[in-house]
């Protein structure tokens, strides 16, 4: 998920809402080059055909709107098939036969070809394909499936080469910086294919282990170059009026069937600074607030609006800290997001809504006070017992982030105790990955770390500290400190656990053995950290 024309056009739009408001419901042309407006509207339609996309219920269009949906399914399939077979043929031509392993079909990605002159759609679709390939290669690498790693590396090279050549063909100009990154990307793709091919010939486990680290590093660098290239390209394309055109779609009732696709595209292109700035200029936050608070919209539409909110409020993006318009609509948005969490019919909807809430709590402390007034703690903790809504460490990461940020408020402690929240936090200290993928392992580490941070903050209240001791939280914290495998050797988890343990020990010192007190509590924090980080596993 990521982000018009000139500033003159944008400023005109702010002062004159008729440009895209309800007064002119039939106007949909983009206030930039006409080609861009048509291309962006087509994105909204064609994203329904994106491989792996969330397919929504189809809503038939009437009369004048019918021409927007004239996408022949057989033609779309043949376009997908063409690109897919080209990619696989290249594998065969390079003497890399298609794998006959059981999971080979599951790794196949259909990368539909975008229409001519449609650079933004090309970027989004090819970007999704390459991101998915990178993730799957990482999974196979973790499983030491070298044959699959190599064949997928060759396929990744094909997709990357196609993206570079196709985008160069449809874009008007190419900067020197983009050309350099394209060159680095293709060099890393070739390097990945070559080193994985050599790994197929190696039988010595020690040599293979060292080569695995090299492959992992190459894969990481390749991902960085790909991210840089995509960000540069998206920044260029979003200056053509993309955000303006998409919000025009989202402000007209006659195009309600396209809202989810338009919002999903907005979330994709608002990862770059220019996209967020354009969103501000067209009062996009107000539009998102209107969608979220309107119960007549489908859950899918409101979930996609929550995804845009989560994107533009991400604490990892420094330029989102100045969303002045967001503060004006924050109460409405927070209220709607809490309701969406409470009524979510699936884990995906809950994840998007809770992610938006988690990011908002970083944006302004006033959001935490609003969440307290809305009984958000009860809503979130009740959801944790509902496997339909909360069933992954990614979702629990969002929940514990909200709790950690809310725990700075005094009143939060009593609400946590009332809802048996200490026991839930205790459970999060034992979060374990199910699949073992790097992304899931990292999510589990974040859950453990934030659970310890939350516990440390809440333990300012003696009642919370005593409840934590009663539930054996101190024993679990000691285990996390002393056993690197329990925290996946994470230093961040170790620091958070040491801090929480020291806070609990200050209230209930009798819960510690002498050795634990002398090694984990009494010394300086840095000394205890060095002791635990260098500690060997004990198998006695």
Protein backbone atom coordinates (compact mmCIF):
# COMPACT_ATOMS: atom_id res chain seq x y z
CA UNK A 1 0.00 0.00 0.00
CA UNK A 2 1.52 3.35 -1.07
CA UNK A 3 0.86 7.60 -3.10
CA UNK A 4 -1.24 16.54 -9.34
CA UNK A 5 -0.64 18.44 -11.39
CA UNK A 6 0.81 21.80 -10.57
CA UNK A 7 0.21 23.78 -7.42
CA UNK A 8 -2.02 26.15 -9.35
CA UNK A 9 -4.52 23.41 -9.96
CA UNK A 10 -4.48 22.20 -6.37
CA UNK A 11 -5.01 25.65 -4.89
CA UNK A 12 -7.93 26.23 -7.21
CA UNK A 13 -9.50 23.02 -5.96
CA UNK A 14 -9.30 24.03 -2.31
CA UNK A 15 -11.14 27.29 -2.79
CA UNK A 16 -13.75 25.90 -5.19
CA UNK A 17 -15.35 22.68 -4.03
CA UNK A 18 -17.47 22.59 -7.16
CA UNK A 19 -14.45 21.13 -8.93
CA UNK A 20 -15.06 17.75 -7.33
CA UNK A 21 -17.98 18.24 -4.94
CA UNK A 22 -21.57 17.15 -5.04
CA UNK A 23 -22.66 20.21 -7.09
CA UNK A 24 -21.17 18.62 -10.19
CA UNK A 25 -21.79 14.88 -9.80
CA UNK A 26 -21.37 14.12 -13.50
CA UNK A 27 -17.91 15.57 -13.89
CA UNK A 28 -15.12 13.05 -13.46
CA UNK A 29 -12.42 14.36 -15.75
CA UNK A 30 -9.04 14.88 -14.12
CA UNK A 31 -7.77 18.43 -13.63
CA UNK A 32 -4.50 17.53 -15.22
CA UNK A 33 -3.59 15.80 -18.46
CA UNK A 34 -6.69 13.98 -19.69
CA UNK A 35 -4.72 10.78 -20.16
CA UNK A 36 -3.84 10.65 -16.48
CA UNK A 37 -7.44 11.10 -15.39
CA UNK A 38 -8.57 8.25 -17.60
CA UNK A 39 -5.72 6.04 -16.46
CA UNK A 40 -6.42 6.60 -12.77
CA UNK A 41 -10.12 5.92 -13.17
CA UNK A 42 -9.24 2.75 -15.03
CA UNK A 43 -7.03 1.75 -12.08
CA UNK A 44 -10.05 1.93 -9.82
CA UNK A 45 -11.87 -0.50 -12.09
CA UNK A 46 -9.01 -2.82 -12.95
CA UNK A 47 -7.76 -3.27 -9.39
CA UNK A 48 -10.61 -5.75 -9.02
CA UNK A 49 -8.59 -7.97 -11.34
CA UNK A 50 -5.37 -7.57 -9.38
CA UNK A 51 -3.88 -10.96 -8.51
CA UNK A 52 -4.35 -11.60 -4.81
CA UNK A 53 -6.57 -8.55 -4.42
CA UNK A 54 -9.53 -8.53 -2.08
CA UNK A 55 -12.47 -9.23 -4.37
CA UNK A 56 -15.63 -7.44 -3.33
CA UNK A 57 -19.24 -8.01 -4.26
CA UNK A 58 -19.85 -6.74 -7.77
CA UNK A 59 -22.42 -3.99 -8.04
CA UNK A 60 -23.97 -3.60 -11.52
CA UNK A 61 -23.79 -0.15 -13.05
CA UNK A 62 -26.61 1.62 -14.84
CA UNK A 63 -26.75 3.32 -18.24
CA UNK A 64 -24.03 5.91 -18.57
CA UNK A 65 -21.72 4.13 -16.09
CA UNK A 66 -21.72 0.81 -17.95
CA UNK A 67 -18.82 1.75 -20.20
CA UNK A 68 -16.49 1.94 -17.21
CA UNK A 69 -16.82 -1.78 -16.53
CA UNK A 70 -16.26 -3.07 -20.08
CA UNK A 71 -13.35 -5.34 -19.16
CA UNK A 72 -13.57 -8.61 -21.05
CA UNK A 73 -12.65 -11.47 -18.70
CA UNK A 74 -11.22 -13.68 -21.45
CA UNK A 75 -9.09 -10.84 -22.75
CA UNK A 76 -7.84 -10.16 -19.21
CA UNK A 77 -6.99 -13.85 -18.75
CA UNK A 78 -5.09 -13.94 -22.04
CA UNK A 79 -3.08 -10.87 -21.03
CA UNK A 80 -2.23 -12.51 -17.71
CA UNK A 81 -1.36 -15.77 -19.45
CA UNK A 82 0.96 -14.03 -21.89
CA UNK A 83 3.10 -12.48 -19.18
CA UNK A 84 3.06 -15.60 -17.05
CA UNK A 85 4.17 -17.89 -19.89
CA UNK A 86 6.84 -15.45 -21.03
CA UNK A 87 8.30 -15.53 -17.54
CA UNK A 88 8.22 -19.32 -17.31
CA UNK A 89 9.62 -19.70 -20.85
CA UNK A 90 12.60 -17.60 -19.84
CA UNK A 91 13.18 -20.00 -16.95
CA UNK A 92 13.23 -22.92 -19.37
CA UNK A 93 15.45 -21.12 -21.87
CA UNK A 94 17.98 -20.57 -19.10
CA UNK A 95 17.96 -24.34 -18.43
CA UNK A 96 15.87 -23.92 -15.32
CA UNK A 97 12.90 -26.32 -15.71
CA UNK A 98 9.67 -25.51 -13.97
CA UNK A 99 9.62 -27.25 -10.61
CA UNK A 100 7.38 -30.28 -10.11
CA UNK A 101 7.29 -29.85 -6.34
CA UNK A 102 3.87 -29.94 -4.68
CA UNK A 103 3.89 -26.27 -3.74
CA UNK A 104 5.09 -25.02 -7.12
CA UNK A 105 1.59 -24.09 -8.28
CA UNK A 106 1.05 -22.09 -5.13
CA UNK A 107 4.06 -19.95 -5.97
CA UNK A 108 2.84 -19.05 -9.45
CA UNK A 109 1.87 -15.40 -9.79
CA UNK A 110 -0.23 -14.07 -12.64
CA UNK A 111 1.00 -10.59 -13.44
CA UNK A 112 -1.62 -9.01 -15.67
CA UNK A 113 -0.29 -6.54 -18.17
CA UNK A 114 -1.42 -2.94 -17.75
CA UNK A 115 -2.87 -1.02 -20.63
CA UNK A 116 -0.72 1.18 -22.84
CA UNK A 117 0.15 4.58 -21.44
CA UNK A 118 -0.87 3.58 -17.92
CA UNK A 119 2.32 3.91 -15.83
CA UNK A 120 0.70 4.13 -12.39
CA UNK A 121 -1.30 0.95 -12.82
CA UNK A 122 1.82 -0.76 -14.16
CA UNK A 123 3.78 0.24 -11.06
CA UNK A 124 1.10 -0.95 -8.65
CA UNK A 125 0.59 -4.30 -10.33
CA UNK A 126 4.24 -5.09 -10.98
CA UNK A 127 5.08 -3.82 -7.51
CA UNK A 128 2.63 -6.25 -5.95
CA UNK A 129 4.06 -9.16 -7.96
CA UNK A 130 7.69 -8.41 -7.09
CA UNK A 131 6.91 -7.80 -3.41
CA UNK A 132 5.13 -11.14 -3.24
CA UNK A 133 8.04 -12.91 -4.95
CA UNK A 134 10.53 -11.39 -2.50
CA UNK A 135 8.44 -12.55 0.46
CA UNK A 136 8.11 -16.07 -0.91
CA UNK A 137 11.81 -16.36 -1.66
CA UNK A 138 12.48 -15.40 1.95
CA UNK A 139 10.13 -18.15 3.12
CA UNK A 140 11.78 -20.81 0.95
CA UNK A 141 15.23 -19.63 2.04
CA UNK A 142 14.27 -20.05 5.69
CA UNK A 143 13.22 -23.62 4.87
CA UNK A 144 16.45 -24.36 2.93
CA UNK A 145 14.42 -25.14 -0.20
CA UNK A 146 17.28 -24.28 -2.55
CA UNK A 147 15.71 -25.54 -5.76
CA UNK A 148 12.65 -23.37 -5.16
CA UNK A 149 14.79 -20.41 -4.09
CA UNK A 150 16.74 -20.54 -7.33
CA UNK A 151 13.77 -20.99 -9.70
CA UNK A 152 11.91 -18.17 -7.95
CA UNK A 153 15.01 -15.96 -8.13
CA UNK A 154 15.11 -16.42 -11.90
CA UNK A 155 11.41 -15.59 -12.10
CA UNK A 156 11.94 -12.51 -9.92
CA UNK A 157 14.62 -11.32 -12.35
CA UNK A 158 12.12 -11.68 -15.20
CA UNK A 159 9.49 -9.65 -13.38
CA UNK A 160 11.97 -6.93 -12.42
CA UNK A 161 13.27 -6.69 -16.00
CA UNK A 162 9.70 -6.47 -17.29
CA UNK A 163 8.80 -3.70 -14.84
CA UNK A 164 11.87 -1.63 -15.75
CA UNK A 165 11.43 -2.02 -19.52
CA UNK A 166 7.64 -1.50 -19.50
CA UNK A 167 7.82 1.56 -17.27
CA UNK A 168 10.60 3.06 -19.38
CA UNK A 169 8.42 2.59 -22.46
CA UNK A 170 5.38 4.42 -21.05
CA UNK A 171 7.04 7.10 -18.90
CA UNK A 172 7.92 10.40 -20.51
CA UNK A 173 11.41 10.81 -19.08
CA UNK A 174 13.81 9.09 -16.74
CA UNK A 175 15.99 10.78 -14.16
CA UNK A 176 19.64 9.89 -13.65
CA UNK A 177 18.88 8.75 -10.09
CA UNK A 178 16.19 6.37 -11.29
CA UNK A 179 18.49 4.98 -13.96
CA UNK A 180 21.15 4.24 -11.36
CA UNK A 181 18.71 2.45 -9.08
CA UNK A 182 17.34 0.43 -12.02
CA UNK A 183 20.90 -0.67 -12.79
CA UNK A 184 21.57 -1.62 -9.15
CA UNK A 185 18.28 -3.54 -8.99
CA UNK A 186 19.07 -5.63 -12.06
CA UNK A 187 22.64 -6.26 -10.88
CA UNK A 188 21.32 -7.60 -7.56
CA UNK A 189 18.77 -9.75 -9.40
CA UNK A 190 21.53 -11.29 -11.52
CA UNK A 191 23.69 -11.75 -8.44
CA UNK A 192 20.84 -13.50 -6.62
CA UNK A 193 20.23 -15.88 -9.53
CA UNK A 194 23.93 -16.69 -9.81
CA UNK A 195 24.58 -17.34 -6.13
CA UNK A 196 21.45 -19.47 -5.71
CA UNK A 197 22.52 -21.55 -8.72
CA UNK A 198 25.89 -22.18 -7.06
CA UNK A 199 24.10 -23.20 -3.87
CA UNK A 200 22.41 -26.04 -5.78
CA UNK A 201 25.84 -27.60 -6.39
CA UNK A 202 27.02 -27.38 -2.77
CA UNK A 203 26.60 -30.37 -0.43
CA UNK A 204 28.76 -29.29 2.50
CA UNK A 205 26.39 -27.96 5.19
CA UNK A 206 28.92 -25.52 6.66
CA UNK A 207 29.65 -23.98 3.28
CA UNK A 208 25.93 -23.84 2.51
CA UNK A 209 25.25 -22.08 5.79
CA UNK A 210 27.74 -19.33 4.97
CA UNK A 211 26.30 -19.02 1.47
CA UNK A 212 22.80 -18.75 2.96
CA UNK A 213 23.88 -15.62 4.82
CA UNK A 214 25.18 -14.20 1.53
CA UNK A 215 21.87 -14.96 -0.21
CA UNK A 216 19.95 -13.35 2.63
CA UNK A 217 22.05 -10.19 2.41
CA UNK A 218 21.65 -10.03 -1.38
CA UNK A 219 17.89 -10.48 -1.02
CA UNK A 220 17.77 -7.69 1.54
CA UNK A 221 19.72 -5.29 -0.71
CA UNK A 222 17.53 -6.21 -3.66
CA UNK A 223 14.44 -5.36 -1.63
CA UNK A 224 15.92 -1.99 -0.67
CA UNK A 225 16.71 -1.07 -4.28
CA UNK A 226 13.24 -2.16 -5.38
CA UNK A 227 11.63 -0.02 -2.66
CA UNK A 228 13.70 3.01 -3.67
CA UNK A 229 12.84 2.58 -7.34
CA UNK A 230 9.12 2.20 -6.62
CA UNK A 231 9.09 5.27 -4.37
CA UNK A 232 10.83 7.43 -6.98
CA UNK A 233 8.47 6.29 -9.72
CA UNK A 234 5.34 6.75 -7.60
CA UNK A 235 6.46 10.25 -6.55
CA UNK A 236 6.75 11.19 -10.21
CA UNK A 237 3.39 9.70 -11.21
CA UNK A 238 1.43 11.17 -8.31
CA UNK A 239 2.37 14.68 -9.53
CA UNK A 240 0.06 14.07 -12.54
CA UNK A 241 -3.13 14.59 -10.56
CA UNK A 242 -3.69 11.05 -9.28
CA UNK A 243 -4.85 11.88 -5.75
CA UNK A 244 -7.22 14.55 -7.05
CA UNK A 245 -8.83 12.16 -9.54
CA UNK A 246 -9.29 9.38 -7.00
CA UNK A 247 -10.90 11.64 -4.41
CA UNK A 248 -13.26 12.92 -7.11
CA UNK A 249 -14.43 9.32 -7.49
CA UNK A 250 -14.87 8.97 -3.72
CA UNK A 251 -17.00 12.12 -3.51
CA UNK A 252 -19.71 11.06 -5.95
CA UNK A 253 -22.51 8.71 -4.93
CA UNK A 254 -22.89 7.50 -8.51
CA UNK A 255 -19.51 5.80 -8.23
CA UNK A 256 -19.98 4.07 -4.87
CA UNK A 257 -19.19 0.73 -6.45
CA UNK A 258 -15.68 2.02 -7.18
CA UNK A 259 -14.97 3.40 -3.70
CA UNK A 260 -13.09 0.31 -2.39
CA UNK A 261 -10.82 0.17 -5.44
CA UNK A 262 -10.18 3.93 -5.45
CA UNK A 263 -9.40 3.91 -1.71
CA UNK A 264 -7.09 0.93 -2.09
CA UNK A 265 -5.18 2.80 -4.79
CA UNK A 266 -4.97 5.87 -2.55
CA UNK A 267 -3.49 3.77 0.25
CA UNK A 268 -0.89 2.49 -2.21
CA UNK A 269 0.22 5.88 -3.50
CA UNK A 270 0.08 7.80 -0.20
CA UNK A 271 3.29 6.20 1.01
CA UNK A 272 5.29 9.03 -0.55
CA UNK A 273 5.39 12.58 0.71
CA UNK A 274 3.91 14.16 -2.40
CA UNK A 275 0.85 11.92 -2.12
CA UNK A 276 0.16 12.97 1.48
CA UNK A 277 0.59 16.63 0.55
CA UNK A 278 -1.91 16.29 -2.28
CA UNK A 279 -4.32 14.55 0.10
CA UNK A 280 -4.08 17.56 2.41
CA UNK A 281 -4.71 20.01 -0.43
CA UNK A 282 -7.95 18.37 -1.51
CA UNK A 283 -9.22 17.89 2.07
CA UNK A 284 -8.87 14.14 1.70
CA UNK A 285 -8.99 13.58 5.46
CA UNK A 286 -12.47 15.09 5.59
CA UNK A 287 -13.57 12.78 2.78
CA UNK A 288 -12.18 9.77 4.65
CA UNK A 289 -13.99 10.86 7.81
CA UNK A 290 -17.27 11.14 5.88
CA UNK A 291 -16.88 7.61 4.52
CA UNK A 292 -15.93 6.10 7.88
CA UNK A 293 -18.87 7.71 9.72
CA UNK A 294 -21.46 6.85 7.07
CA UNK A 295 -23.03 3.50 7.97
CA UNK A 296 -24.65 3.31 4.54
CA UNK A 297 -21.25 2.42 3.11
CA UNK A 298 -20.29 -1.25 3.03
CA UNK A 299 -17.87 -2.66 5.56
CA UNK A 300 -15.37 -3.23 2.73
CA UNK A 301 -15.47 0.47 1.80
CA UNK A 302 -14.99 1.61 5.40
CA UNK A 303 -12.16 -0.89 5.87
CA UNK A 304 -10.34 0.51 2.82
CA UNK A 305 -10.84 4.04 4.18
CA UNK A 306 -9.29 2.84 7.46
CA UNK A 307 -6.34 1.52 5.44
CA UNK A 308 -5.77 4.97 3.93
CA UNK A 309 -5.91 6.50 7.44
CA UNK A 310 -3.39 3.92 8.66
CA UNK A 311 -1.07 4.77 5.76
CA UNK A 312 -1.13 8.55 6.11
CA UNK A 313 -0.70 8.42 9.91
CA UNK A 314 2.15 5.90 9.92
CA UNK A 315 4.76 6.88 12.55
CA UNK A 316 7.45 5.62 10.17
CA UNK A 317 6.70 8.47 7.74
CA UNK A 318 8.09 11.75 9.16
CA UNK A 319 5.99 13.97 6.91
CA UNK A 320 2.69 12.69 8.37
CA UNK A 321 3.36 14.47 11.65
CA UNK A 322 2.10 17.73 10.13
CA UNK A 323 -1.39 16.62 9.08
CA UNK A 324 -3.13 19.64 10.54
CA UNK A 325 -6.44 18.73 8.92
CA UNK A 326 -6.39 15.35 10.62
CA UNK A 327 -6.63 16.83 14.12
CA UNK A 328 -9.84 18.61 13.14
CA UNK A 329 -11.54 15.33 12.21
CA UNK A 330 -9.75 13.07 14.68
CA UNK A 331 -12.66 12.56 17.10
CA UNK A 332 -15.02 11.47 14.31
CA UNK A 333 -12.40 9.17 12.79
CA UNK A 334 -11.41 7.57 16.10
CA UNK A 335 -15.05 6.97 17.05
CA UNK A 336 -15.75 5.36 13.66
CA UNK A 337 -12.64 3.17 13.85
CA UNK A 338 -13.54 1.86 17.32
CA UNK A 339 -16.99 0.99 16.01
CA UNK A 340 -15.46 -0.75 13.01
CA UNK A 341 -13.25 -2.82 15.34
CA UNK A 342 -16.28 -3.76 17.42
CA UNK A 343 -18.41 -4.79 14.44
CA UNK A 344 -15.68 -6.27 12.19
CA UNK A 345 -16.80 -9.45 10.48
CA UNK A 346 -13.28 -10.65 9.65
CA UNK A 347 -9.70 -10.51 10.84
CA UNK A 348 -8.68 -8.38 7.87
CA UNK A 349 -11.20 -5.64 8.63
CA UNK A 350 -10.22 -5.63 12.31
CA UNK A 351 -6.53 -5.46 11.40
CA UNK A 352 -6.99 -2.42 9.16
CA UNK A 353 -9.13 -0.56 11.71
CA UNK A 354 -6.85 -1.38 14.67
CA UNK A 355 -3.73 -0.45 12.67
CA UNK A 356 -5.24 2.96 11.97
CA UNK A 357 -6.02 3.42 15.68
CA UNK A 358 -2.52 2.33 16.67
CA UNK A 359 -0.92 4.88 14.34
CA UNK A 360 -3.25 7.65 15.52
CA UNK A 361 -2.16 7.10 19.13
CA UNK A 362 1.36 8.07 18.04
CA UNK A 363 0.07 11.16 16.28
CA UNK A 364 -1.46 12.94 19.28
CA UNK A 365 -1.93 12.04 22.97
CA UNK A 366 -5.46 13.42 22.77
CA UNK A 367 -6.35 10.30 20.79
CA UNK A 368 -5.58 8.13 23.84
CA UNK A 369 -7.98 10.18 25.97
CA UNK A 370 -10.66 9.76 23.31
CA UNK A 371 -10.11 6.00 23.29
CA UNK A 372 -10.56 5.88 27.07
CA UNK A 373 -13.86 7.74 26.82
CA UNK A 374 -15.04 5.36 24.07
CA UNK A 375 -14.28 2.26 26.21
CA UNK A 376 -11.81 1.14 23.56
CA UNK A 377 -9.92 -1.02 26.07
CA UNK A 378 -12.99 -3.18 26.59
CA UNK A 379 -13.58 -3.43 22.81
CA UNK A 380 -9.97 -4.45 22.12
CA UNK A 381 -9.68 -6.93 24.98
CA UNK A 382 -12.99 -8.58 24.10
CA UNK A 383 -11.81 -8.94 20.50
CA UNK A 384 -8.74 -10.87 21.68
CA UNK A 385 -10.97 -13.78 22.65
CA UNK A 386 -12.64 -13.78 19.22
CA UNK A 387 -10.52 -15.89 16.85
CA UNK A 388 -12.49 -14.62 13.88
CA UNK A 389 -11.20 -11.08 14.46
CA UNK A 390 -7.86 -11.60 16.24
CA UNK A 391 -5.94 -14.64 15.09
CA UNK A 392 -2.46 -13.44 14.12
CA UNK A 393 0.49 -11.76 15.84
CA UNK A 394 0.13 -8.87 13.39
CA UNK A 395 -3.28 -8.01 14.84
CA UNK A 396 -2.09 -8.49 18.42
CA UNK A 397 0.79 -6.15 17.58
CA UNK A 398 -1.73 -3.40 16.81
CA UNK A 399 -3.72 -4.06 19.99
CA UNK A 400 -0.72 -4.02 22.30
CA UNK A 401 0.58 -0.87 20.58
CA UNK A 402 -2.67 0.90 21.46
CA UNK A 403 -2.51 -0.41 25.05
CA UNK A 404 1.13 0.65 25.42
CA UNK A 405 0.40 4.19 24.26
CA UNK A 406 -2.74 4.44 26.39
CA UNK A 407 -0.95 3.15 29.47
CA UNK A 408 0.71 6.53 30.00
CA UNK A 409 -2.68 7.77 31.23
CA UNK A 410 -3.48 7.26 34.91
CA UNK A 411 -7.05 6.08 34.37
CA UNK A 412 -5.93 3.35 31.99
CA UNK A 413 -4.71 1.11 34.85
CA UNK A 414 -8.15 0.78 36.45
CA UNK A 415 -9.77 -0.01 33.09
CA UNK A 416 -7.15 -2.67 32.37
CA UNK A 417 -7.78 -4.38 35.73
CA UNK A 418 -11.53 -4.18 35.32
CA UNK A 419 -11.33 -5.98 31.95
CA UNK A 420 -8.76 -8.59 33.15
CA UNK A 421 -6.22 -6.99 30.86
CA UNK A 422 -3.17 -7.96 32.92
CA UNK A 423 -3.80 -11.61 32.14
CA UNK A 424 -4.01 -10.82 28.44
CA UNK A 425 -0.72 -8.89 28.58
CA UNK A 426 0.82 -11.85 30.39
CA UNK A 427 -0.25 -14.05 27.48
CA UNK A 428 1.34 -11.68 24.98
CA UNK A 429 4.69 -12.14 26.74
CA UNK A 430 4.51 -15.73 25.47
CA UNK A 431 3.69 -14.86 21.84
CA UNK A 432 5.19 -17.46 19.49
CA UNK A 433 5.27 -17.60 15.67
CA UNK A 434 3.34 -20.39 14.00
CA UNK A 435 4.98 -20.40 10.58
CA UNK A 436 8.51 -19.25 11.45
CA UNK A 437 8.62 -16.71 8.61
CA UNK A 438 10.85 -13.68 9.27
CA UNK A 439 7.86 -11.31 9.18
CA UNK A 440 5.90 -13.33 11.72
CA UNK A 441 8.91 -13.78 13.99
CA UNK A 442 9.48 -10.01 13.93
CA UNK A 443 5.80 -9.41 14.74
CA UNK A 444 6.03 -11.76 17.74
CA UNK A 445 9.10 -9.87 18.98
CA UNK A 446 7.19 -6.59 18.75
CA UNK A 447 4.27 -8.08 20.68
CA UNK A 448 6.57 -9.29 23.46
CA UNK A 449 8.44 -5.99 23.64
CA UNK A 450 5.31 -3.83 23.73
CA UNK A 451 3.62 -6.12 26.24
CA UNK A 452 6.61 -5.65 28.58
CA UNK A 453 6.54 -1.88 28.01
CA UNK A 454 2.81 -1.79 28.78
CA UNK A 455 3.33 -3.81 31.94
CA UNK A 456 6.15 -1.52 33.09
CA UNK A 457 4.03 1.58 32.60
CA UNK A 458 0.92 0.16 34.21
CA UNK A 459 2.88 -1.12 37.22
CA UNK A 460 3.13 2.43 38.49
CA UNK A 461 -0.22 1.49 39.98
CA UNK A 462 0.43 -0.86 42.96
CA UNK A 463 -2.81 -2.74 42.26
CA UNK A 464 -1.65 -3.61 38.74
CA UNK A 465 1.78 -4.63 40.03
CA UNK A 466 0.30 -6.96 42.62
CA UNK A 467 -2.01 -8.51 40.02
CA UNK A 468 0.97 -9.05 37.71
CA UNK A 469 2.94 -10.76 40.47
CA UNK A 470 -0.07 -12.95 41.31
CA UNK A 471 -0.22 -14.07 37.67
CA UNK A 472 3.51 -15.00 37.73
CA UNK A 473 4.52 -12.21 35.34
CA UNK A 474 7.85 -11.88 37.16
CA UNK A 475 8.73 -15.50 36.43
CA UNK A 476 7.96 -15.03 32.75
CA UNK A 477 9.99 -11.81 32.59
CA UNK A 478 12.96 -13.56 34.22
CA UNK A 479 12.66 -16.39 31.70
CA UNK A 480 12.66 -13.93 28.80
CA UNK A 481 15.74 -12.20 30.22
CA UNK A 482 17.73 -15.35 30.86
CA UNK A 483 16.72 -17.45 27.86
CA UNK A 484 17.63 -15.89 24.47
CA UNK A 485 15.54 -18.44 22.57
CA UNK A 486 12.39 -17.31 24.40
CA UNK A 487 12.81 -13.82 22.95
CA UNK A 488 14.42 -14.88 19.65
CA UNK A 489 17.64 -13.23 20.91
CA UNK A 490 15.99 -9.84 20.58
CA UNK A 491 17.77 -7.02 22.41
CA UNK A 492 14.67 -4.84 22.28
CA UNK A 493 12.62 -7.47 24.11
CA UNK A 494 15.42 -7.92 26.65
CA UNK A 495 15.57 -4.20 27.51
CA UNK A 496 11.79 -3.97 27.85
CA UNK A 497 11.65 -7.06 30.09
CA UNK A 498 14.43 -5.80 32.35
CA UNK A 499 12.61 -2.48 32.76
CA UNK A 500 9.31 -4.19 33.57
CA UNK A 501 10.98 -6.58 36.01
CA UNK A 502 12.65 -3.71 37.87
CA UNK A 503 9.35 -1.84 38.11
CA UNK A 504 7.59 -4.91 39.57
CA UNK A 505 10.48 -5.62 41.93
CA UNK A 506 10.15 -2.12 43.33
CA UNK A 507 6.59 -2.88 44.39
CA UNK A 508 6.88 -6.60 45.28
CA UNK A 509 10.56 -7.48 45.93
CA UNK A 510 9.57 -10.70 47.72
CA UNK A 511 8.71 -12.26 44.34
CA UNK A 512 12.41 -12.47 43.38
CA UNK A 513 15.11 -14.96 44.30
CA UNK A 514 18.42 -13.52 45.53
CA UNK A 515 20.30 -14.47 42.35
CA UNK A 516 17.68 -12.82 40.16
CA UNK A 517 17.76 -9.67 42.26
CA UNK A 518 21.57 -9.49 42.24
CA UNK A 519 21.88 -10.04 38.48
CA UNK A 520 18.75 -8.51 36.97
CA UNK A 521 17.63 -5.75 39.35
CA UNK A 522 20.45 -4.49 41.55
CA UNK A 523 23.11 -3.65 38.88
CA UNK A 524 22.88 -0.82 36.40
CA UNK A 525 20.49 -1.60 33.56
CA UNK A 526 23.33 -1.70 31.04
CA UNK A 527 25.24 -4.24 33.16
CA UNK A 528 22.22 -6.52 33.46
CA UNK A 529 21.66 -6.16 29.73
CA UNK A 530 25.24 -7.20 28.91
CA UNK A 531 25.01 -10.13 31.29
CA UNK A 532 21.80 -11.45 29.71
CA UNK A 533 22.74 -10.74 26.10
CA UNK A 534 25.92 -12.81 26.48
CA UNK A 535 24.24 -15.59 28.42
CA UNK A 536 24.52 -19.10 26.99
CA UNK A 537 21.53 -21.42 26.96
CA UNK A 538 21.34 -23.85 29.86
CA UNK A 539 20.04 -27.32 29.09
CA UNK A 540 20.38 -28.71 32.60
